[in-house]
Each structure stands twice: as structure tokens, then as C-alpha cells.
Amino acid sequence: MQEQDGKVNYRAYQVFGRSEDRQAYTFHLFDSFGANPASPAHGSWKDNVLNLEQDSYTASYLLPLS
């Protein structure tokens, strides 16, 4: 969420899931501008890093596990 002059002008939602068909984790991004990718990113864990790839980008997320 982003605010400007006390009003919300942008929202984004990130949804993590699991695709059993592809045996991969999924990442979906939805924002209030409608600039959402046509398909989710897919990836897998290595140690405590989730590596995701999507047609338009590649990202790695470090998610500490305890």
C-alpha cells in the first residue's frame, strides 16, 4: 500500500501458492494499476531461498526459516 497526501493511491497483493502439476511454488502479483503478469512466476526452494522465474522477470526471495 502506498499513500500520498493521506490517501491510498496504490495497492499490491502478493500470493504464494503451489502447483502440483509443475511441482513448483507459484507467485502471483496483483496491483491496483492492473499491470499484472499474464501468468504466475514458478520456482523452487534451495536452502532458505525461494527462486522464482516468470517470462518477464527473475527474482529470488530470502525467507528466513526458524
C-alpha atoms as a PDB file:
ATOM      1  CA  MET A   1       0.000   0.000   0.000  1.00  0.00           C
ATOM      2  CA  GLN A   2       1.216   3.475  -0.828  1.00  0.00           C
ATOM      3  CA  GLU A   3      -0.206   6.710   0.489  1.00  0.00           C
ATOM      4  CA  GLN A   4       0.082  10.243  -0.784  1.00  0.00           C
ATOM      5  CA  ASP A   5      -1.469  13.273   0.922  1.00  0.00           C
ATOM      6  CA  GLY A   6      -3.129  10.927   3.410  1.00  0.00           C
ATOM      7  CA  LYS A   7      -4.918   8.902   0.721  1.00  0.00           C
ATOM      8  CA  VAL A   8      -4.121   5.431  -0.586  1.00  0.00           C
ATOM      9  CA  ASN A   9      -3.093   5.710  -4.240  1.00  0.00           C
ATOM     10  CA  TYR A  10      -1.601   2.244  -4.835  1.00  0.00           C
ATOM     11  CA  ARG A  11      -2.214  -1.269  -3.542  1.00  0.00           C
ATOM     12  CA  ALA A  12      -0.441  -4.520  -4.347  1.00  0.00           C
ATOM     13  CA  TYR A  13      -1.164  -8.073  -3.259  1.00  0.00           C
ATOM     14  CA  GLN A  14       1.281 -10.954  -3.467  1.00  0.00           C
ATOM     15  CA  VAL A  15       0.003 -14.509  -3.307  1.00  0.00           C
ATOM     16  CA  PHE A  16       2.255 -17.546  -2.894  1.00  0.00           C
ATOM     17  CA  GLY A  17       0.925 -20.965  -3.816  1.00  0.00           C
ATOM     18  CA  ARG A  18       1.880 -24.424  -5.013  1.00  0.00           C
ATOM     19  CA  SER A  19       1.373 -26.004  -8.435  1.00  0.00           C
ATOM     20  CA  GLU A  20       1.260 -29.778  -8.075  1.00  0.00           C
ATOM     21  CA  ASP A  21       1.158 -30.138 -11.879  1.00  0.00           C
ATOM     22  CA  ARG A  22       4.547 -28.428 -12.226  1.00  0.00           C
ATOM     23  CA  GLN A  23       5.882 -29.497  -8.814  1.00  0.00           C
ATOM     24  CA  ALA A  24       6.742 -25.830  -8.192  1.00  0.00           C
ATOM     25  CA  TYR A  25       5.808 -22.939  -5.961  1.00  0.00           C
ATOM     26  CA  THR A  26       3.899 -20.070  -7.543  1.00  0.00           C
ATOM     27  CA  PHE A  27       3.895 -16.326  -7.046  1.00  0.00           C
ATOM     28  CA  HIS A  28       1.032 -14.140  -8.262  1.00  0.00           C
ATOM     29  CA  LEU A  29       1.139 -10.338  -8.200  1.00  0.00           C
ATOM     30  CA  PHE A  30      -1.965  -8.158  -8.375  1.00  0.00           C
ATOM     31  CA  ASP A  31      -1.865  -4.370  -8.194  1.00  0.00           C
ATOM     32  CA  SER A  32      -4.307  -1.502  -8.409  1.00  0.00           C
ATOM     33  CA  PHE A  33      -2.800  -0.268 -11.700  1.00  0.00           C
ATOM     34  CA  GLY A  34      -3.721  -3.522 -13.465  1.00  0.00           C
ATOM     35  CA  ALA A  35      -0.145  -4.160 -14.597  1.00  0.00           C
ATOM     36  CA  ASN A  36      -0.337  -7.817 -13.616  1.00  0.00           C
ATOM     37  CA  PRO A  37       1.717 -10.518 -15.373  1.00  0.00           C
ATOM     38  CA  ALA A  38      -0.263 -12.810 -17.682  1.00  0.00           C
ATOM     39  CA  SER A  39       0.970 -15.856 -15.758  1.00  0.00           C
ATOM     40  CA  PRO A  40       2.406 -16.510 -12.303  1.00  0.00           C
ATOM     41  CA  ALA A  41       6.078 -16.967 -11.553  1.00  0.00           C
ATOM     42  CA  HIS A  42       7.188 -20.535 -10.755  1.00  0.00           C
ATOM     43  CA  GLY A  43      10.119 -21.728  -8.719  1.00  0.00           C
ATOM     44  CA  SER A  44      11.617 -23.870  -6.017  1.00  0.00           C
ATOM     45  CA  TRP A  45      13.470 -23.679  -2.725  1.00  0.00           C
ATOM     46  CA  LYS A  46      17.208 -24.042  -2.346  1.00  0.00           C
ATOM     47  CA  ASP A  47      18.266 -23.837   1.291  1.00  0.00           C
ATOM     48  CA  ASN A  48      16.212 -20.900   2.579  1.00  0.00           C
ATOM     49  CA  VAL A  49      15.932 -19.015  -0.741  1.00  0.00           C
ATOM     50  CA  LEU A  50      12.874 -19.236  -2.982  1.00  0.00           C
ATOM     51  CA  ASN A  51      13.984 -18.737  -6.612  1.00  0.00           C
ATOM     52  CA  LEU A  52      11.180 -17.684  -8.929  1.00  0.00           C
ATOM     53  CA  GLU A  53      11.107 -17.201 -12.694  1.00  0.00           C
ATOM     54  CA  GLN A  54       8.462 -15.591 -14.836  1.00  0.00           C
ATOM     55  CA  ASP A  55       8.503 -14.701 -18.520  1.00  0.00           C
ATOM     56  CA  SER A  56       9.259 -11.049 -17.799  1.00  0.00           C
ATOM     57  CA  TYR A  57      11.481 -11.297 -14.704  1.00  0.00           C
ATOM     58  CA  THR A  58      13.572 -13.484 -12.402  1.00  0.00           C
ATOM     59  CA  ALA A  59      13.566 -12.925  -8.664  1.00  0.00           C
ATOM     60  CA  SER A  60      14.955 -14.531  -5.535  1.00  0.00           C
ATOM     61  CA  TYR A  61      13.298 -14.134  -2.166  1.00  0.00           C
ATOM     62  CA  LEU A  62      15.208 -14.777   1.034  1.00  0.00           C
ATOM     63  CA  LEU A  63      12.695 -16.047   3.566  1.00  0.00           C
ATOM     64  CA  PRO A  64      14.308 -16.837   6.924  1.00  0.00           C
ATOM     65  CA  LEU A  65      13.120 -20.128   8.366  1.00  0.00           C
ATOM     66  CA  SER A  66      13.253 -20.982  12.015  1.00  0.00           C
END
